């Protein structure tokens, strides 16, 4: 690239069908990233990329056409094609929540395996063994990671049951439907882990409609740590991801790559368990 500085950062936000609601964690990053980039007096172009982009060349072309000096990708779908395309990107790039390595790529993510194990430690300590899991869609890396962590730990303890696993899409309604299915089993779980807070809120409604009480009849845990969890009744035990820190770190990392020509980094943050009122000890 010539000496022309465009002072523009591209933020690629995937994918349109997952962002039409406030339930999407990507929005948490966007707010923070917008603020931080404005502080630096850079312009921001936000691209919403459909998962079914016919012309997959798109992002790299856009970067060069618009002469963006750096790019941030949020919520990339987990396909080999995406991974390949990005690996060869020639502007400094930060990717949130999908592991891709390349010479100009920094990765910032949250340790999903650690997060799920925090939940399991908590539930085991309360005496739960019949634990159900509502997973997110398979094409999103963090949902695969969360489910794999659950599967690995439960299998190693001989506690894994296929009928206790349902798939949702991170939205309220999918958590509701998955929980209805779980509660129609002959044997019902004593605890349900939903791999997003939104799905946990959907689960609450299904549990209440069945005439069961949380946590007396069934314990419930979410994932993400959205603020709304504290205001539910009962308040939601969940794993908190620090979107604030991760968003700020994404921008700082990008600028150290752009301005100081620093090399790329991999940063993985450890989430925290927030114990609230939706889980309870069971006495067997």
Protein backbone atom coordinates (compact mmCIF):
# COMPACT_ATOMS: atom_id res chain seq x y z
CA UNK A 1 0.00 0.00 0.00
CA UNK A 2 1.18 3.54 -0.70
CA UNK A 3 1.66 6.27 1.89
CA UNK A 4 -2.02 7.17 1.67
CA UNK A 5 -3.51 6.79 5.16
CA UNK A 6 -7.25 6.21 5.04
CA UNK A 7 -7.77 6.26 8.81
CA UNK A 8 -10.51 3.71 8.34
CA UNK A 9 -11.16 0.48 10.18
CA UNK A 10 -13.54 -2.16 8.81
CA UNK A 11 -15.69 -4.09 11.25
CA UNK A 12 -17.18 -7.23 9.74
CA UNK A 13 -20.19 -8.41 11.55
CA UNK A 14 -21.67 -11.81 10.86
CA UNK A 15 -24.19 -12.72 9.98
CA UNK A 16 -27.36 -10.92 9.14
CA UNK A 17 -29.71 -13.68 10.09
CA UNK A 18 -28.24 -13.79 13.59
CA UNK A 19 -28.17 -10.09 14.30
CA UNK A 20 -31.74 -8.99 14.03
CA UNK A 21 -32.14 -9.10 17.77
CA UNK A 22 -30.58 -7.84 20.93
CA UNK A 23 -29.93 -11.41 21.98
CA UNK A 24 -26.82 -11.48 19.84
CA UNK A 25 -23.57 -11.20 21.77
CA UNK A 26 -21.92 -9.51 18.80
CA UNK A 27 -23.72 -6.28 19.62
CA UNK A 28 -21.97 -6.19 22.97
CA UNK A 29 -18.66 -5.90 21.17
CA UNK A 30 -19.82 -3.43 18.56
CA UNK A 31 -20.77 -0.73 21.07
CA UNK A 32 -17.43 -0.96 22.82
CA UNK A 33 -15.42 -1.11 19.61
CA UNK A 34 -17.25 1.92 18.18
CA UNK A 35 -16.37 3.98 21.24
CA UNK A 36 -12.75 3.00 21.31
CA UNK A 37 -12.19 3.58 17.60
CA UNK A 38 -13.83 7.02 17.77
CA UNK A 39 -11.37 7.90 20.55
CA UNK A 40 -8.58 7.22 18.07
CA UNK A 41 -10.08 9.55 15.45
CA UNK A 42 -10.49 6.77 12.96
CA UNK A 43 -13.56 6.17 10.82
CA UNK A 44 -15.39 2.94 11.02
CA UNK A 45 -17.17 1.06 8.27
CA UNK A 46 -19.43 -1.74 9.47
CA UNK A 47 -20.09 -4.56 7.04
CA UNK A 48 -22.77 -7.08 7.72
CA UNK A 49 -21.77 -10.25 5.96
CA UNK A 50 -24.34 -12.90 5.14
CA UNK A 51 -23.24 -16.39 5.91
CA UNK A 52 -24.15 -17.43 2.40
CA UNK A 53 -21.98 -14.85 0.64
CA UNK A 54 -21.86 -16.13 -2.91
CA UNK A 55 -18.73 -14.16 -3.68
CA UNK A 56 -16.58 -15.35 -0.81
CA UNK A 57 -13.74 -13.15 -2.00
CA UNK A 58 -15.71 -10.31 -0.52
CA UNK A 59 -13.93 -9.31 2.67
CA UNK A 60 -10.44 -9.19 1.30
CA UNK A 61 -11.62 -7.22 -1.72
CA UNK A 62 -13.57 -4.82 0.45
CA UNK A 63 -10.51 -4.21 2.59
CA UNK A 64 -8.42 -3.23 -0.39
CA UNK A 65 -11.15 -1.26 -2.20
CA UNK A 66 -11.94 0.81 0.85
CA UNK A 67 -8.28 0.93 1.82
CA UNK A 68 -9.08 -0.03 5.36
CA UNK A 69 -6.02 -0.03 7.56
CA UNK A 70 -7.26 -2.73 9.84
CA UNK A 71 -10.18 -5.10 10.26
CA UNK A 72 -12.10 -6.63 13.15
CA UNK A 73 -14.26 -9.71 12.60
CA UNK A 74 -17.04 -10.58 15.02
CA UNK A 75 -18.96 -13.83 15.06
CA UNK A 76 -17.48 -15.47 11.99
CA UNK A 77 -19.11 -18.69 10.97
CA UNK A 78 -16.90 -21.66 11.49
CA UNK A 79 -16.22 -22.80 7.92
CA UNK A 80 -12.95 -23.87 6.30
CA UNK A 81 -13.57 -21.35 3.57
CA UNK A 82 -13.64 -18.46 6.03
CA UNK A 83 -10.52 -19.73 7.71
CA UNK A 84 -8.65 -20.01 4.41
CA UNK A 85 -9.71 -16.57 3.20
CA UNK A 86 -8.66 -14.87 6.38
CA UNK A 87 -5.37 -16.61 6.74
CA UNK A 88 -4.15 -14.66 3.71
CA UNK A 89 -5.54 -11.27 4.59
CA UNK A 90 -2.88 -8.58 4.26
CA UNK A 91 -4.15 -5.88 6.61
CA UNK A 92 -3.81 -6.11 10.40
CA UNK A 93 -6.83 -8.09 11.59
CA UNK A 94 -8.36 -9.06 14.91
CA UNK A 95 -10.84 -11.91 15.09
CA UNK A 96 -13.15 -12.32 18.04
CA UNK A 97 -14.23 -15.81 19.07
CA UNK A 98 -12.96 -17.85 16.14
CA UNK A 99 -9.45 -19.28 16.10
CA UNK A 100 -7.64 -18.53 12.88
CA UNK A 101 -3.90 -18.13 12.65
CA UNK A 102 -2.20 -16.09 10.00
CA UNK A 103 0.62 -13.63 9.85
CA UNK A 104 -1.61 -10.57 10.20
CA UNK A 105 -4.20 -12.07 12.51
CA UNK A 106 -4.73 -11.69 16.23
CA UNK A 107 -7.28 -13.86 18.00
CA UNK A 108 -9.25 -12.79 21.06
CA UNK A 109 -11.57 -15.25 22.70
CA UNK A 110 -12.99 -16.64 25.87
CA UNK A 111 -12.11 -20.03 27.33
CA UNK A 112 -15.38 -21.87 26.76
CA UNK A 113 -14.15 -25.18 28.08
CA UNK A 114 -13.15 -23.54 31.33
CA UNK A 115 -16.54 -21.79 31.53
CA UNK A 116 -18.55 -24.99 31.09
CA UNK A 117 -16.41 -26.76 33.67
CA UNK A 118 -17.11 -23.98 36.16
CA UNK A 119 -20.82 -24.71 35.71
CA UNK A 120 -20.34 -28.46 36.07
CA UNK A 121 -18.18 -28.03 39.20
CA UNK A 122 -20.96 -25.92 40.68
CA UNK A 123 -23.75 -28.39 39.80
CA UNK A 124 -21.80 -31.46 40.96
CA UNK A 125 -21.11 -29.73 44.24
CA UNK A 126 -24.87 -29.26 44.63
CA UNK A 127 -25.39 -32.98 44.05
CA UNK A 128 -26.67 -32.91 40.46
CA UNK A 129 -25.91 -35.74 38.06
CA UNK A 130 -28.88 -35.76 35.70
CA UNK A 131 -27.78 -32.68 33.83
CA UNK A 132 -29.23 -31.60 30.48
CA UNK A 133 -27.53 -29.31 27.98
CA UNK A 134 -29.07 -26.98 25.39
CA UNK A 135 -26.40 -26.30 22.82
CA UNK A 136 -26.07 -23.54 20.26
CA UNK A 137 -25.77 -23.98 16.48
CA UNK A 138 -22.90 -26.13 15.24
CA UNK A 139 -21.54 -23.62 12.75
CA UNK A 140 -20.50 -21.29 15.56
CA UNK A 141 -17.20 -22.17 17.14
CA UNK A 142 -18.06 -21.16 20.70
CA UNK A 143 -21.16 -23.36 20.72
CA UNK A 144 -19.14 -26.35 19.55
CA UNK A 145 -16.52 -25.66 22.22
CA UNK A 146 -19.14 -25.42 24.97
CA UNK A 147 -20.87 -28.61 23.98
CA UNK A 148 -17.59 -30.53 23.56
CA UNK A 149 -16.52 -29.50 27.05
CA UNK A 150 -19.82 -30.75 28.47
CA UNK A 151 -19.63 -33.98 26.49
CA UNK A 152 -16.04 -34.69 27.50
CA UNK A 153 -16.56 -34.17 31.22
CA UNK A 154 -19.93 -35.95 31.45
CA UNK A 155 -18.70 -38.92 29.40
CA UNK A 156 -15.61 -39.30 31.54
CA UNK A 157 -17.90 -39.61 34.57
CA UNK A 158 -20.33 -41.94 32.82
CA UNK A 159 -23.11 -39.39 33.23
CA UNK A 160 -23.69 -38.39 29.61
CA UNK A 161 -27.15 -39.07 28.17
CA UNK A 162 -27.98 -38.33 24.56
CA UNK A 163 -31.64 -37.69 25.37
CA UNK A 164 -30.53 -34.86 27.70
CA UNK A 165 -28.99 -32.84 24.87
CA UNK A 166 -31.04 -30.53 22.65
CA UNK A 167 -29.95 -28.00 20.05
CA UNK A 168 -31.11 -24.38 19.97
CA UNK A 169 -29.96 -21.30 18.06
CA UNK A 170 -29.09 -18.95 20.95
CA UNK A 171 -32.56 -17.36 20.84
CA UNK A 172 -35.26 -17.28 23.49
CA UNK A 173 -37.76 -19.39 21.60
CA UNK A 174 -35.27 -22.16 20.90
CA UNK A 175 -34.46 -22.45 24.61
CA UNK A 176 -38.18 -22.65 25.31
CA UNK A 177 -38.77 -25.41 22.76
CA UNK A 178 -35.69 -27.42 23.74
CA UNK A 179 -36.79 -27.36 27.38
CA UNK A 180 -40.31 -28.46 26.51
CA UNK A 181 -38.74 -31.49 24.82
CA UNK A 182 -36.52 -32.19 27.83
CA UNK A 183 -39.48 -32.04 30.19
CA UNK A 184 -41.49 -34.46 28.05
CA UNK A 185 -38.92 -37.22 28.64
CA UNK A 186 -39.94 -39.98 31.05
CA UNK A 187 -36.98 -39.07 33.18
CA UNK A 188 -36.39 -35.37 33.55
CA UNK A 189 -33.08 -33.72 34.44
CA UNK A 190 -32.49 -32.14 37.84
CA UNK A 191 -30.49 -29.36 36.17
CA UNK A 192 -30.37 -27.71 32.76
CA UNK A 193 -27.42 -25.80 31.32
CA UNK A 194 -28.33 -23.47 28.46
CA UNK A 195 -25.34 -22.35 26.44
CA UNK A 196 -26.67 -18.78 26.27
CA UNK A 197 -28.61 -16.62 28.71
CA UNK A 198 -31.32 -16.04 26.10
CA UNK A 199 -31.96 -19.76 25.81
CA UNK A 200 -31.99 -20.01 29.61
CA UNK A 201 -34.72 -17.36 29.75
CA UNK A 202 -36.72 -19.37 27.20
CA UNK A 203 -36.14 -22.44 29.37
CA UNK A 204 -37.58 -20.64 32.41
CA UNK A 205 -40.90 -20.15 30.69
CA UNK A 206 -41.12 -23.82 29.67
CA UNK A 207 -40.28 -24.94 33.21
CA UNK A 208 -42.90 -22.66 34.75
CA UNK A 209 -45.56 -23.73 32.25
CA UNK A 210 -44.93 -27.32 33.24
CA UNK A 211 -45.80 -26.35 36.83
CA UNK A 212 -42.23 -26.83 38.04
CA UNK A 213 -40.28 -24.35 40.13
CA UNK A 214 -36.73 -23.10 39.72
CA UNK A 215 -34.59 -24.01 41.65
CA UNK A 216 -36.78 -26.23 43.88
CA UNK A 217 -37.64 -28.74 41.16
CA UNK A 218 -35.00 -27.98 38.61
CA UNK A 219 -31.78 -25.92 38.61
CA UNK A 220 -30.97 -23.73 35.63
CA UNK A 221 -27.72 -22.13 34.46
CA UNK A 222 -27.13 -19.76 31.54
CA UNK A 223 -24.00 -18.58 29.72
CA UNK A 224 -22.80 -15.04 28.78
CA UNK A 225 -23.56 -13.03 31.87
CA UNK A 226 -25.99 -10.54 30.33
CA UNK A 227 -27.23 -7.95 32.77
CA UNK A 228 -30.84 -9.08 32.40
CA UNK A 229 -30.03 -12.30 34.30
CA UNK A 230 -29.79 -10.37 37.56
CA UNK A 231 -33.33 -9.01 37.13
CA UNK A 232 -35.14 -12.28 36.45
CA UNK A 233 -37.07 -14.10 39.10
CA UNK A 234 -35.30 -16.18 40.26
CA UNK A 235 -32.10 -14.42 39.21
CA UNK A 236 -30.01 -16.52 36.83
CA UNK A 237 -26.80 -18.34 37.70
CA UNK A 238 -24.58 -17.90 34.66
CA UNK A 239 -21.05 -17.73 33.29
CA UNK A 240 -19.94 -14.17 32.71
CA UNK A 241 -17.83 -13.26 29.71
CA UNK A 242 -16.16 -9.90 29.93
CA UNK A 243 -17.27 -8.40 26.62
CA UNK A 244 -16.05 -4.99 27.76
CA UNK A 245 -12.46 -6.10 28.28
CA UNK A 246 -12.45 -8.25 25.17
CA UNK A 247 -13.81 -5.42 23.00
CA UNK A 248 -11.29 -2.91 24.35
CA UNK A 249 -8.47 -5.42 23.94
CA UNK A 250 -9.51 -6.03 20.33
CA UNK A 251 -9.12 -2.35 19.49
CA UNK A 252 -5.86 -1.92 21.44
CA UNK A 253 -4.39 -4.97 19.75
CA UNK A 254 -5.44 -3.77 16.32
CA UNK A 255 -3.85 -0.36 16.85
CA UNK A 256 -0.63 -1.81 18.17
CA UNK A 257 -0.46 -3.84 14.95
CA UNK A 258 -1.32 -0.86 12.75
CA UNK A 259 0.66 1.90 14.44
CA UNK A 260 3.52 0.08 16.11
CA UNK A 261 3.78 -2.76 13.62
CA UNK A 262 3.61 -5.18 16.52
CA UNK A 263 3.13 -8.82 15.71
CA UNK A 264 -0.13 -10.64 16.19
CA UNK A 265 -1.22 -12.14 19.51
CA UNK A 266 -3.62 -14.79 20.82
CA UNK A 267 -5.48 -13.74 23.93
CA UNK A 268 -7.87 -16.04 25.74
CA UNK A 269 -9.87 -14.69 28.66
CA UNK A 270 -11.17 -16.84 31.48
CA UNK A 271 -14.88 -16.35 32.19
CA UNK A 272 -16.35 -16.30 35.73
CA UNK A 273 -19.26 -18.10 37.34
CA UNK A 274 -21.90 -15.80 38.82
CA UNK A 275 -23.93 -17.73 41.38
CA UNK A 276 -27.45 -16.43 41.76
CA UNK A 277 -30.78 -17.94 42.76
CA UNK A 278 -31.57 -20.40 39.97
CA UNK A 279 -29.49 -23.30 41.28
CA UNK A 280 -29.92 -25.28 44.45
CA UNK A 281 -28.54 -28.28 46.32
CA UNK A 282 -30.48 -31.47 45.83
CA UNK A 283 -30.88 -34.00 48.57
CA UNK A 284 -30.93 -37.52 47.35
